[in-house]
Amino acid sequence: MLPALNVNYLFFIYFFIYLVFGLYFLLNVLLATIFSGYKSKLAERAIETANNRLIYLEKYYNLCDIAKKGYLNLNEARKFFRLVLNFNYKKEDDVRQFKILMKILDPQRKNEVEKITIMDFFALPGFSSQISSQDIAVIKVEQDAN
């Protein structure tokens, strides 16, 4: 570029257009391609996480519903939320949150929470349960014991 500019200053127009096109347009195309790939990977990961969450929630549910009634009574629901959300019922805040959850999941106050209701609740967008790989190991050990 510099030798061409020493020959004629009008080459400045050519190099200016070249740099603007290269830096502005081609860089934007490259960035858009990378961002599109990242966005699709992020969407795949979100779907996979949601599916895994529902699988593990079902395992927790089956672990708590020992009699296979299709619903959880009050004590089983306490155990379920202790496992899934790490509730400590000695804490006042956790007790209050459990009562709110029971009002949402059992509006008729029958003290019975059906499986489909729980799965629908945890499938809501933006809900993040606290299931970890350590919890998965606990589920496997407890299921093997039964």
C-alpha atoms as a PDB file:
ATOM      1  CA  MET A   1       0.000   0.000   0.000  1.00  0.00           C
ATOM      2  CA  LEU A   2       2.744   2.475   0.903  1.00  0.00           C
ATOM      3  CA  PRO A   3       4.728   2.051  -2.346  1.00  0.00           C
ATOM      4  CA  ALA A   4       1.514   2.559  -4.337  1.00  0.00           C
ATOM      5  CA  LEU A   5       0.720   5.722  -2.384  1.00  0.00           C
ATOM      6  CA  ASN A   6       4.230   7.067  -3.069  1.00  0.00           C
ATOM      7  CA  VAL A   7       3.605   6.636  -6.816  1.00  0.00           C
ATOM      8  CA  ASN A   8       0.176   8.308  -6.854  1.00  0.00           C
ATOM      9  CA  TYR A   9      -2.006   9.662  -4.036  1.00  0.00           C
ATOM     10  CA  LEU A  10      -5.154   8.681  -5.930  1.00  0.00           C
ATOM     11  CA  PHE A  11      -4.512   5.072  -4.911  1.00  0.00           C
ATOM     12  CA  PHE A  12      -5.762   6.276  -1.526  1.00  0.00           C
ATOM     13  CA  ILE A  13      -9.348   5.975  -2.845  1.00  0.00           C
ATOM     14  CA  TYR A  14      -8.758   2.359  -3.910  1.00  0.00           C
ATOM     15  CA  PHE A  15      -7.217   1.347  -0.572  1.00  0.00           C
ATOM     16  CA  PHE A  16      -9.855   3.237   1.441  1.00  0.00           C
ATOM     17  CA  ILE A  17     -12.666   1.390  -0.361  1.00  0.00           C
ATOM     18  CA  TYR A  18     -10.769  -1.889   0.005  1.00  0.00           C
ATOM     19  CA  LEU A  19     -10.303  -1.435   3.769  1.00  0.00           C
ATOM     20  CA  VAL A  20     -13.858  -0.251   4.395  1.00  0.00           C
ATOM     21  CA  PHE A  21     -15.301  -3.165   2.458  1.00  0.00           C
ATOM     22  CA  GLY A  22     -12.957  -5.687   4.054  1.00  0.00           C
ATOM     23  CA  LEU A  23     -13.218  -4.446   7.626  1.00  0.00           C
ATOM     24  CA  TYR A  24     -16.847  -3.474   7.705  1.00  0.00           C
ATOM     25  CA  PHE A  25     -18.723  -5.877   5.432  1.00  0.00           C
ATOM     26  CA  LEU A  26     -16.623  -9.043   5.515  1.00  0.00           C
ATOM     27  CA  LEU A  27     -16.004  -8.800   9.257  1.00  0.00           C
ATOM     28  CA  ASN A  28     -19.743  -8.419   9.864  1.00  0.00           C
ATOM     29  CA  VAL A  29     -20.472 -11.469   7.724  1.00  0.00           C
ATOM     30  CA  LEU A  30     -17.880 -13.485   9.643  1.00  0.00           C
ATOM     31  CA  LEU A  31     -19.226 -12.308  12.985  1.00  0.00           C
ATOM     32  CA  ALA A  32     -22.817 -13.089  11.956  1.00  0.00           C
ATOM     33  CA  THR A  33     -21.809 -16.624  10.935  1.00  0.00           C
ATOM     34  CA  ILE A  34     -20.049 -17.262  14.247  1.00  0.00           C
ATOM     35  CA  PHE A  35     -22.932 -15.790  16.252  1.00  0.00           C
ATOM     36  CA  SER A  36     -25.476 -17.897  14.352  1.00  0.00           C
ATOM     37  CA  GLY A  37     -23.532 -21.067  15.142  1.00  0.00           C
ATOM     38  CA  TYR A  38     -23.256 -20.080  18.812  1.00  0.00           C
ATOM     39  CA  LYS A  39     -26.972 -19.333  18.986  1.00  0.00           C
ATOM     40  CA  SER A  40     -27.922 -22.733  17.533  1.00  0.00           C
ATOM     41  CA  LYS A  41     -25.572 -24.552  19.958  1.00  0.00           C
ATOM     42  CA  LEU A  42     -27.085 -22.608  22.844  1.00  0.00           C
ATOM     43  CA  ALA A  43     -30.598 -23.600  21.752  1.00  0.00           C
ATOM     44  CA  GLU A  44     -29.575 -27.266  21.490  1.00  0.00           C
ATOM     45  CA  ARG A  45     -28.043 -27.136  24.968  1.00  0.00           C
ATOM     46  CA  ALA A  46     -31.202 -25.538  26.415  1.00  0.00           C
ATOM     47  CA  ILE A  47     -33.395 -28.289  24.928  1.00  0.00           C
ATOM     48  CA  GLU A  48     -31.046 -30.987  26.206  1.00  0.00           C
ATOM     49  CA  THR A  49     -31.001 -29.433  29.689  1.00  0.00           C
ATOM     50  CA  ALA A  50     -34.803 -29.225  29.787  1.00  0.00           C
ATOM     51  CA  ASN A  51     -35.135 -32.871  28.719  1.00  0.00           C
ATOM     52  CA  ASN A  52     -32.585 -34.008  31.303  1.00  0.00           C
ATOM     53  CA  ARG A  53     -34.331 -31.971  33.994  1.00  0.00           C
ATOM     54  CA  LEU A  54     -37.646 -33.697  33.273  1.00  0.00           C
ATOM     55  CA  ILE A  55     -35.990 -37.136  33.281  1.00  0.00           C
ATOM     56  CA  TYR A  56     -34.434 -36.533  36.685  1.00  0.00           C
ATOM     57  CA  LEU A  57     -37.610 -34.961  38.059  1.00  0.00           C
ATOM     58  CA  GLU A  58     -39.486 -38.093  37.059  1.00  0.00           C
ATOM     59  CA  LYS A  59     -36.875 -40.213  38.838  1.00  0.00           C
ATOM     60  CA  TYR A  60     -37.200 -38.081  41.971  1.00  0.00           C
ATOM     61  CA  TYR A  61     -40.983 -38.328  41.727  1.00  0.00           C
ATOM     62  CA  ASN A  62     -40.879 -42.122  41.407  1.00  0.00           C
ATOM     63  CA  LEU A  63     -38.482 -42.239  44.340  1.00  0.00           C
ATOM     64  CA  CYS A  64     -40.982 -40.344  46.510  1.00  0.00           C
ATOM     65  CA  ASP A  65     -44.127 -42.085  45.219  1.00  0.00           C
ATOM     66  CA  ILE A  66     -43.248 -45.497  46.601  1.00  0.00           C
ATOM     67  CA  ALA A  67     -46.809 -46.871  46.439  1.00  0.00           C
ATOM     68  CA  LYS A  68     -47.128 -45.764  42.779  1.00  0.00           C
ATOM     69  CA  LYS A  69     -50.421 -43.974  43.463  1.00  0.00           C
ATOM     70  CA  GLY A  70     -49.866 -41.362  40.764  1.00  0.00           C
ATOM     71  CA  TYR A  71     -49.863 -38.504  43.257  1.00  0.00           C
ATOM     72  CA  LEU A  72     -47.816 -37.363  46.230  1.00  0.00           C
ATOM     73  CA  ASN A  73     -49.382 -36.817  49.627  1.00  0.00           C
ATOM     74  CA  LEU A  74     -48.155 -34.001  51.868  1.00  0.00           C
ATOM     75  CA  ASN A  75     -45.224 -35.904  53.392  1.00  0.00           C
ATOM     76  CA  GLU A  76     -44.120 -37.303  50.029  1.00  0.00           C
ATOM     77  CA  ALA A  77     -44.344 -33.809  48.528  1.00  0.00           C
ATOM     78  CA  ARG A  78     -42.120 -32.500  51.333  1.00  0.00           C
ATOM     79  CA  LYS A  79     -39.573 -35.195  50.579  1.00  0.00           C
ATOM     80  CA  PHE A  80     -39.772 -34.460  46.843  1.00  0.00           C
ATOM     81  CA  PHE A  81     -39.145 -30.726  47.276  1.00  0.00           C
ATOM     82  CA  ARG A  82     -36.409 -31.401  49.804  1.00  0.00           C
ATOM     83  CA  LEU A  83     -34.662 -33.502  47.167  1.00  0.00           C
ATOM     84  CA  VAL A  84     -35.284 -31.261  44.174  1.00  0.00           C
ATOM     85  CA  LEU A  85     -35.046 -27.774  45.670  1.00  0.00           C
ATOM     86  CA  ASN A  86     -32.895 -28.540  48.727  1.00  0.00           C
ATOM     87  CA  PHE A  87     -35.589 -27.321  51.099  1.00  0.00           C
ATOM     88  CA  ASN A  88     -34.678 -27.297  54.773  1.00  0.00           C
ATOM     89  CA  TYR A  89     -37.958 -27.314  56.666  1.00  0.00           C
ATOM     90  CA  LYS A  90     -36.280 -25.939  59.771  1.00  0.00           C
ATOM     91  CA  LYS A  91     -35.888 -22.646  57.927  1.00  0.00           C
ATOM     92  CA  GLU A  92     -38.926 -20.409  57.982  1.00  0.00           C
ATOM     93  CA  ASP A  93     -38.354 -19.195  54.425  1.00  0.00           C
ATOM     94  CA  ASP A  94     -38.301 -22.749  53.028  1.00  0.00           C
ATOM     95  CA  VAL A  95     -41.507 -23.631  54.894  1.00  0.00           C
ATOM     96  CA  ARG A  96     -43.195 -20.539  53.467  1.00  0.00           C
ATOM     97  CA  GLN A  97     -42.012 -21.403  49.938  1.00  0.00           C
ATOM     98  CA  PHE A  98     -43.277 -24.982  50.349  1.00  0.00           C
ATOM     99  CA  LYS A  99     -46.715 -23.685  51.389  1.00  0.00           C
ATOM    100  CA  ILE A 100     -46.805 -21.409  48.349  1.00  0.00           C
ATOM    101  CA  LEU A 101     -45.838 -24.306  46.065  1.00  0.00           C
ATOM    102  CA  MET A 102     -48.561 -26.485  47.571  1.00  0.00           C
ATOM    103  CA  LYS A 103     -51.142 -23.727  46.979  1.00  0.00           C
ATOM    104  CA  ILE A 104     -50.058 -23.565  43.341  1.00  0.00           C
ATOM    105  CA  LEU A 105     -49.822 -27.315  42.744  1.00  0.00           C
ATOM    106  CA  ASP A 106     -52.823 -28.336  44.865  1.00  0.00           C
ATOM    107  CA  PRO A 107     -55.453 -25.590  44.499  1.00  0.00           C
ATOM    108  CA  GLN A 108     -58.288 -27.855  45.792  1.00  0.00           C
ATOM    109  CA  ARG A 109     -56.338 -28.423  49.053  1.00  0.00           C
ATOM    110  CA  LYS A 110     -56.638 -32.221  48.874  1.00  0.00           C
ATOM    111  CA  ASN A 111     -52.981 -32.582  49.928  1.00  0.00           C
ATOM    112  CA  GLU A 112     -52.382 -34.538  46.750  1.00  0.00           C
ATOM    113  CA  VAL A 113     -49.997 -33.365  44.041  1.00  0.00           C
ATOM    114  CA  GLU A 114     -50.312 -35.241  40.775  1.00  0.00           C
ATOM    115  CA  LYS A 115     -47.300 -36.157  38.677  1.00  0.00           C
ATOM    116  CA  ILE A 116     -48.487 -34.275  35.581  1.00  0.00           C
ATOM    117  CA  THR A 117     -48.956 -31.107  37.636  1.00  0.00           C
ATOM    118  CA  ILE A 118     -45.412 -31.254  38.964  1.00  0.00           C
ATOM    119  CA  MET A 119     -43.937 -31.990  35.541  1.00  0.00           C
ATOM    120  CA  ASP A 120     -45.880 -29.113  33.964  1.00  0.00           C
ATOM    121  CA  PHE A 121     -44.784 -26.776  36.751  1.00  0.00           C
ATOM    122  CA  PHE A 122     -41.092 -27.590  36.378  1.00  0.00           C
ATOM    123  CA  ALA A 123     -41.340 -27.406  32.573  1.00  0.00           C
ATOM    124  CA  LEU A 124     -42.286 -23.727  32.726  1.00  0.00           C
ATOM    125  CA  PRO A 125     -39.845 -21.499  30.834  1.00  0.00           C
ATOM    126  CA  GLY A 126     -37.198 -19.935  32.975  1.00  0.00           C
ATOM    127  CA  PHE A 127     -37.556 -22.390  35.835  1.00  0.00           C
ATOM    128  CA  SER A 128     -34.256 -23.828  36.911  1.00  0.00           C
ATOM    129  CA  SER A 129     -34.163 -26.704  39.306  1.00  0.00           C
ATOM    130  CA  GLN A 130     -31.019 -27.470  41.224  1.00  0.00           C
ATOM    131  CA  ILE A 131     -30.381 -31.002  40.015  1.00  0.00           C
ATOM    132  CA  SER A 132     -26.684 -31.769  39.998  1.00  0.00           C
ATOM    133  CA  SER A 133     -24.558 -34.760  39.078  1.00  0.00           C
ATOM    134  CA  GLN A 134     -24.267 -35.558  42.789  1.00  0.00           C
ATOM    135  CA  ASP A 135     -28.072 -35.812  42.974  1.00  0.00           C
ATOM    136  CA  ILE A 136     -28.050 -38.251  40.060  1.00  0.00           C
ATOM    137  CA  ALA A 137     -25.732 -40.548  42.006  1.00  0.00           C
ATOM    138  CA  VAL A 138     -28.043 -40.351  45.047  1.00  0.00           C
ATOM    139  CA  ILE A 139     -31.042 -41.334  42.911  1.00  0.00           C
ATOM    140  CA  LYS A 140     -29.213 -44.366  41.522  1.00  0.00           C
ATOM    141  CA  VAL A 141     -28.117 -45.528  44.991  1.00  0.00           C
ATOM    142  CA  GLU A 142     -31.606 -45.095  46.485  1.00  0.00           C
ATOM    143  CA  GLN A 143     -33.295 -46.879  43.569  1.00  0.00           C
ATOM    144  CA  ASP A 144     -30.863 -49.772  43.850  1.00  0.00           C
ATOM    145  CA  ALA A 145     -31.668 -50.019  47.561  1.00  0.00           C
ATOM    146  CA  ASN A 146     -35.397 -50.357  46.784  1.00  0.00           C
END
